[in-house]
Each structure stands twice: as C-alpha cells, then as structure tokens.
Amino acid sequence: MTTTTSDWNGIRADAFAADPYPGQRPDGSFLVDGATIHELRASDAVASGWALRDGTDVDDRLGAPGLADRYPVLAYGSNANPAMLARRFPAEPVVALRATTTGLAAAWCTDPRSDGQIPATLVAVPGAVETHVVLLCTATQLDRLDRFEGRAHRIYDLGVLRSGAVVLDDRRRLPGVLTYVGGRGRRPLAGPGGAPVRVGDTDQATAAMHAARRPGACGPEFDVDVEVIAPGVPFRGISARFGSDQPGGCR
C-alpha cells in the first residue's frame, strides 16, 4: 500500500497507480468526481462538516443524497485507490474520508484473484493502528460494490463491523461502519508463526511468493467481529447512514 504526500488536489485520479494491488492512495480525504480527484477537509464552517479546498461544502458539489444520507464503508484495499474508484463509478462522485483504525489490519489473502494478484481482507490485530478510508456510498454505489466484491457468491461478505475502532480526521468515531471481509477463497494468509501477513508490512510480489507455498490461513483468533448481511438481504434498514443518531449509527 503506497500513499503520496505531494499536492494532488485537482489532478487526474489515474495518477494514482492501481497496480500492483492495492494501488496508491492520497494522504488525506478526497472526492473523486469523474476523472479528477479533489482534496476534502473537515470544516465547521459548512453544514456537512466537510469542504473542498476552496471552502465549498462538499454537499453542494454532490447534490442529493448528501453525506448524512450515505452509507459508510471502511475500505482498506483497492477500493481506497482513486483510479479504481473512478473506473468503478464513472457517473457518480465518490467520497472517501481518511480514517485511523485501531485493532484492525489489512492482511493478504490465501488465494489470488483471476489476474494473479493477491487481494486483501481485514483481520483483528490487538494494538494495530493503520490508516484507511471510509467511503460514503449512495445505495446505488453500494449495490455496485456488491457486484465488484462478489457478495452474491460470498467471495467477500458485507457486514457491520463490531470490532476495533474507526475514527475520521475530524475525530468522529464511526460505530457500526460497513465493510467487506473475505469469504470463500479470501481467508487471511498465515505468515511465520501463524500470524497474518499485513499489507502494510509486505509488498504484493512478496505476498504472492509466500502464498504460492500454500501455508494456509490464519486461525479464527484473527477474525474480525462482523455482523454479516447474508447475500440477497438488502443492507437498507440494517446498516446506519452517516448522519444516523440511532444506536449503532455513525453520528
């Protein structure tokens, strides 16, 4: 996983390489609008709490639905890559807010994708602190993510995350955030001693060579606590929206 600290506001989303998986990502919160990426900043001066660099409320750029009516989804793999987001959602702006996770880690999987690259899943690692993004998705965008992640075939499962902590740059903690976790063929790869091989510690090529030795998957002690939403069951009514004040919501 590679980040960049150069001035990336207003540049093309495909300036962030998608390969090798999981691709590059900016070092802050961002909006992907068409082929362009824009920096987002927490701001008390706008109603949504998030603004473009010029001070414009991001809700004014998005239209309906605004941030409060979108679904928060923790993205720790290629869904945090702007080029991939632009490719998957060419017709709708995509909001990605930088988040610090505690007790959670992105880890390489046991089996490669169809292109031969090793994907990632989410594992529980006490004391781990990582930086990822939370996508604020419309219902349509989340339906598209379901197809990309193979939810119907349980390649990845969609669920409500109950373990660890997810905190945005504005210090808002997000209880009950959605996330995709590895299902069939997407178990966390066991490293030396049986611990997960973390994405932040090992590059794609090294992970692929290790996976080719077929060491097997980590034990259940590394499973995250996720309330899985079964395939065919809609997420609407189960998951909270970003502006929800309900128990398990995100505000």
Protein backbone atom coordinates (compact mmCIF):
# COMPACT_ATOMS: atom_id res chain seq x y z
CA MET A 1 0.00 0.00 0.00
CA THR A 2 1.53 3.28 -1.15
CA THR A 3 0.50 6.78 -0.20
CA THR A 4 1.59 10.09 -1.64
CA THR A 5 2.25 13.38 0.13
CA SER A 6 2.62 15.64 -2.95
CA ASP A 7 -0.02 18.23 -3.85
CA TRP A 8 -2.65 16.08 -5.51
CA ASN A 9 -5.68 18.38 -5.40
CA GLY A 10 -7.24 18.70 -8.84
CA ILE A 11 -5.13 16.05 -10.58
CA ARG A 12 -6.38 13.07 -12.52
CA ALA A 13 -7.48 10.07 -10.45
CA ASP A 14 -5.43 7.74 -12.65
CA ALA A 15 -2.25 9.48 -11.47
CA PHE A 16 -2.57 7.05 -8.54
CA ALA A 17 -1.45 3.69 -9.90
CA ALA A 18 -3.96 0.89 -9.35
CA ASP A 19 -1.35 -1.83 -9.88
CA PRO A 20 0.13 -3.62 -8.13
CA TYR A 21 -2.81 -4.22 -5.80
CA PRO A 22 -3.93 -2.44 -3.64
CA GLY A 23 -2.62 0.59 -5.52
CA GLN A 24 -1.66 4.08 -4.41
CA ARG A 25 -3.81 6.45 -2.40
CA PRO A 26 -3.59 10.10 -1.28
CA ASP A 27 -2.57 11.05 2.25
CA GLY A 28 -5.90 12.68 3.08
CA SER A 29 -9.64 12.71 2.47
CA PHE A 30 -10.79 13.12 -1.11
CA LEU A 31 -13.61 13.34 -3.64
CA VAL A 32 -13.37 11.51 -6.96
CA ASP A 33 -15.55 13.36 -9.48
CA GLY A 34 -15.29 11.88 -12.94
CA ALA A 35 -11.61 11.63 -13.81
CA THR A 36 -10.48 14.18 -11.22
CA ILE A 37 -9.63 13.97 -7.53
CA HIS A 38 -10.23 16.82 -5.08
CA GLU A 39 -8.95 17.22 -1.53
CA LEU A 40 -11.56 17.29 1.25
CA ARG A 41 -11.04 18.87 4.66
CA ALA A 42 -13.04 18.76 7.87
CA SER A 43 -14.70 22.16 8.34
CA ASP A 44 -17.00 23.62 10.98
CA ALA A 45 -17.87 26.40 8.53
CA VAL A 46 -20.08 24.21 6.32
CA ALA A 47 -23.23 22.29 7.14
CA SER A 48 -21.97 18.84 6.12
CA GLY A 49 -18.73 19.22 8.10
CA TRP A 50 -16.55 18.58 5.02
CA ALA A 51 -15.38 21.07 2.41
CA LEU A 52 -13.34 21.25 -0.76
CA ARG A 53 -10.07 23.16 -0.57
CA ASP A 54 -11.78 26.37 -1.77
CA GLY A 55 -14.24 26.16 1.16
CA THR A 56 -17.22 24.84 -0.82
CA ASP A 57 -19.42 22.46 1.15
CA VAL A 58 -18.99 19.03 -0.43
CA ASP A 59 -22.77 18.57 -0.27
CA ASP A 60 -23.12 21.46 -2.73
CA ARG A 61 -20.91 19.51 -5.14
CA LEU A 62 -22.68 16.21 -4.55
CA GLY A 63 -26.30 17.22 -4.61
CA ALA A 64 -28.67 14.54 -3.28
CA PRO A 65 -28.02 12.39 -1.40
CA GLY A 66 -25.67 14.41 0.79
CA LEU A 67 -23.14 12.97 3.20
CA ALA A 68 -25.64 12.41 6.02
CA ASP A 69 -27.76 10.10 3.84
CA ARG A 70 -24.91 7.95 2.59
CA TYR A 71 -23.65 4.62 3.91
CA PRO A 72 -20.16 4.49 5.49
CA VAL A 73 -17.99 1.63 4.22
CA LEU A 74 -14.47 1.00 5.51
CA ALA A 75 -12.14 0.47 2.51
CA TYR A 76 -8.69 -1.00 3.17
CA GLY A 77 -7.74 -2.45 -0.24
CA SER A 78 -8.14 -1.31 -3.84
CA ASN A 79 -11.40 0.48 -3.03
CA ALA A 80 -9.21 3.20 -1.48
CA ASN A 81 -7.43 3.77 -4.81
CA PRO A 82 -8.75 6.82 -6.73
CA ALA A 83 -8.12 5.30 -10.17
CA MET A 84 -10.12 2.21 -9.23
CA LEU A 85 -12.94 4.33 -7.81
CA ALA A 86 -13.07 6.47 -10.97
CA ARG A 87 -13.22 3.31 -13.07
CA ARG A 88 -15.95 1.70 -11.00
CA PHE A 89 -18.10 4.81 -10.55
CA PRO A 90 -17.71 6.96 -13.67
CA ALA A 91 -21.15 8.56 -13.38
CA GLU A 92 -21.29 9.46 -9.66
CA PRO A 93 -18.91 11.37 -7.37
CA VAL A 94 -17.27 9.19 -4.72
CA VAL A 95 -16.43 10.46 -1.22
CA ALA A 96 -13.50 8.91 0.66
CA LEU A 97 -12.71 10.17 4.17
CA ARG A 98 -9.37 9.26 5.74
CA ALA A 99 -9.73 7.17 8.89
CA THR A 100 -7.47 5.75 11.57
CA THR A 101 -8.29 2.18 12.54
CA THR A 102 -7.26 0.58 15.82
CA GLY A 103 -7.25 -3.15 16.49
CA LEU A 104 -7.73 -3.86 12.77
CA ALA A 105 -5.33 -4.53 9.90
CA ALA A 106 -5.39 -5.15 6.18
CA ALA A 107 -3.87 -8.58 5.50
CA TRP A 108 -3.04 -10.57 2.40
CA CYS A 109 -5.32 -13.44 1.42
CA THR A 110 -4.54 -17.09 0.75
CA ASP A 111 -5.70 -17.15 -2.88
CA PRO A 112 -5.03 -14.91 -5.88
CA ARG A 113 -7.56 -13.06 -7.98
CA SER A 114 -8.17 -14.03 -11.61
CA ASP A 115 -5.35 -11.67 -12.66
CA GLY A 116 -2.90 -13.48 -10.36
CA GLN A 117 -2.61 -10.71 -7.79
CA ILE A 118 -3.20 -11.40 -4.10
CA PRO A 119 -6.10 -9.41 -2.64
CA ALA A 120 -6.59 -8.32 0.97
CA THR A 121 -9.02 -8.93 3.77
CA LEU A 122 -9.50 -7.43 7.22
CA VAL A 123 -8.19 -9.06 10.39
CA ALA A 124 -8.24 -8.34 14.11
CA VAL A 125 -4.81 -7.43 15.50
CA PRO A 126 -4.77 -6.03 19.05
CA GLY A 127 -2.86 -2.77 19.23
CA ALA A 128 -2.57 -2.36 15.43
CA VAL A 129 -3.02 1.21 14.15
CA GLU A 130 -3.48 1.78 10.41
CA THR A 131 -4.75 4.47 8.06
CA HIS A 132 -7.50 3.61 5.58
CA VAL A 133 -10.54 5.38 4.14
CA VAL A 134 -14.27 5.34 4.74
CA LEU A 135 -16.31 5.56 1.56
CA LEU A 136 -19.61 7.38 1.90
CA CYS A 137 -21.71 5.49 -0.62
CA THR A 138 -25.10 6.02 -2.15
CA ALA A 139 -27.36 2.97 -2.23
CA THR A 140 -26.57 2.62 -5.94
CA GLN A 141 -22.83 2.73 -5.32
CA LEU A 142 -23.08 0.10 -2.60
CA ASP A 143 -25.07 -2.14 -4.93
CA ARG A 144 -22.25 -1.78 -7.47
CA LEU A 145 -19.64 -2.57 -4.81
CA ASP A 146 -21.59 -5.74 -4.02
CA ARG A 147 -21.16 -6.87 -7.63
CA PHE A 148 -17.48 -5.96 -7.78
CA GLU A 149 -16.77 -7.75 -4.48
CA GLY A 150 -18.72 -10.88 -5.40
CA ARG A 151 -21.08 -10.65 -2.46
CA ALA A 152 -23.70 -12.89 -4.12
CA HIS A 153 -21.10 -15.67 -4.37
CA ARG A 154 -19.56 -14.90 -0.97
CA ILE A 155 -16.18 -14.01 -2.42
CA TYR A 156 -16.42 -11.13 0.02
CA ASP A 157 -19.11 -10.76 2.67
CA LEU A 158 -20.69 -7.41 3.51
CA GLY A 159 -21.33 -6.76 7.17
CA VAL A 160 -21.49 -4.33 10.06
CA LEU A 161 -18.11 -4.08 11.78
CA ARG A 162 -18.35 -4.63 15.54
CA SER A 163 -14.66 -4.90 16.50
CA GLY A 164 -11.86 -2.38 16.57
CA ALA A 165 -12.28 1.37 16.21
CA VAL A 166 -12.64 3.60 13.15
CA VAL A 167 -12.03 7.34 13.68
CA LEU A 168 -12.13 10.05 11.00
CA ASP A 169 -9.78 13.02 10.77
CA ASP A 170 -12.46 15.20 12.41
CA ARG A 171 -12.21 12.84 15.44
CA ARG A 172 -15.63 11.34 14.84
CA ARG A 173 -15.75 7.67 15.75
CA LEU A 174 -17.86 5.51 13.46
CA PRO A 175 -19.54 2.64 15.33
CA GLY A 176 -21.32 0.15 13.10
CA VAL A 177 -19.46 1.03 9.89
CA LEU A 178 -19.97 -1.39 6.99
CA THR A 179 -17.06 -3.31 5.49
CA TYR A 180 -16.32 -6.20 3.16
CA VAL A 181 -14.42 -9.14 4.64
CA GLY A 182 -13.02 -12.15 2.86
CA GLY A 183 -15.37 -15.06 2.34
CA ARG A 184 -14.81 -18.07 0.07
CA GLY A 185 -11.18 -18.15 -1.04
CA ARG A 186 -10.36 -14.93 0.73
CA ARG A 187 -9.06 -16.15 4.09
CA PRO A 188 -6.12 -14.30 5.67
CA LEU A 189 -2.75 -15.74 4.72
CA ALA A 190 -0.74 -17.26 7.57
CA GLY A 191 2.78 -15.94 7.95
CA PRO A 192 5.62 -17.25 10.11
CA GLY A 193 4.18 -18.29 13.45
CA GLY A 194 0.66 -18.28 12.03
CA ALA A 195 0.07 -14.52 12.28
CA PRO A 196 -1.48 -12.60 9.36
CA VAL A 197 0.80 -11.16 6.69
CA ARG A 198 -0.09 -7.48 6.86
CA VAL A 199 -0.35 -5.41 3.69
CA GLY A 200 1.48 -2.53 5.34
CA ASP A 201 4.50 -4.74 6.04
CA THR A 202 4.80 -6.81 2.84
CA ASP A 203 4.56 -5.88 -0.83
CA GLN A 204 2.43 -7.65 -3.44
CA ALA A 205 5.28 -9.63 -5.00
CA THR A 206 6.50 -10.98 -1.67
CA ALA A 207 2.96 -11.86 -0.59
CA ALA A 208 2.36 -13.71 -3.87
CA MET A 209 5.54 -15.77 -3.47
CA HIS A 210 4.60 -16.66 0.10
CA ALA A 211 1.02 -17.56 -0.88
CA ALA A 212 2.33 -19.84 -3.64
CA ARG A 213 3.88 -22.02 -0.93
CA ARG A 214 0.33 -22.71 0.34
CA PRO A 215 0.97 -22.11 4.05
CA GLY A 216 -2.75 -21.99 4.78
CA ALA A 217 -4.94 -19.50 6.57
CA CYS A 218 -4.68 -17.84 9.96
CA GLY A 219 -6.62 -19.18 12.89
CA PRO A 220 -10.02 -17.85 13.99
CA GLU A 221 -8.39 -15.71 16.69
CA PHE A 222 -7.64 -13.17 13.95
CA ASP A 223 -11.23 -12.98 12.67
CA VAL A 224 -12.87 -9.58 12.93
CA ASP A 225 -16.27 -9.35 14.59
CA VAL A 226 -18.57 -8.62 11.65
CA GLU A 227 -22.34 -8.94 11.63
CA VAL A 228 -22.58 -10.41 8.14
CA ILE A 229 -25.56 -9.43 6.00
CA ALA A 230 -26.45 -12.58 4.07
CA PRO A 231 -26.41 -12.43 0.26
CA GLY A 232 -29.79 -11.41 -1.04
CA VAL A 233 -30.62 -9.50 2.13
CA PRO A 234 -30.60 -5.74 1.46
CA PHE A 235 -28.35 -3.58 3.61
CA ARG A 236 -31.03 -0.87 3.81
CA GLY A 237 -32.61 -0.92 7.26
CA ILE A 238 -29.73 -2.95 8.72
CA SER A 239 -26.86 -0.52 8.33
CA ALA A 240 -26.89 3.04 9.63
CA ARG A 241 -26.37 6.04 7.42
CA PHE A 242 -23.57 8.51 8.08
CA GLY A 243 -25.88 11.02 9.77
CA SER A 244 -27.82 8.48 11.83
CA ASP A 245 -28.46 9.16 15.52
CA GLN A 246 -29.75 5.64 16.08
CA PRO A 247 -27.85 3.11 18.26
CA GLY A 248 -25.07 1.66 16.18
CA GLY A 249 -25.21 4.67 13.90
CA CYS A 250 -22.37 6.91 12.91
CA ARG A 251 -23.05 10.26 14.44
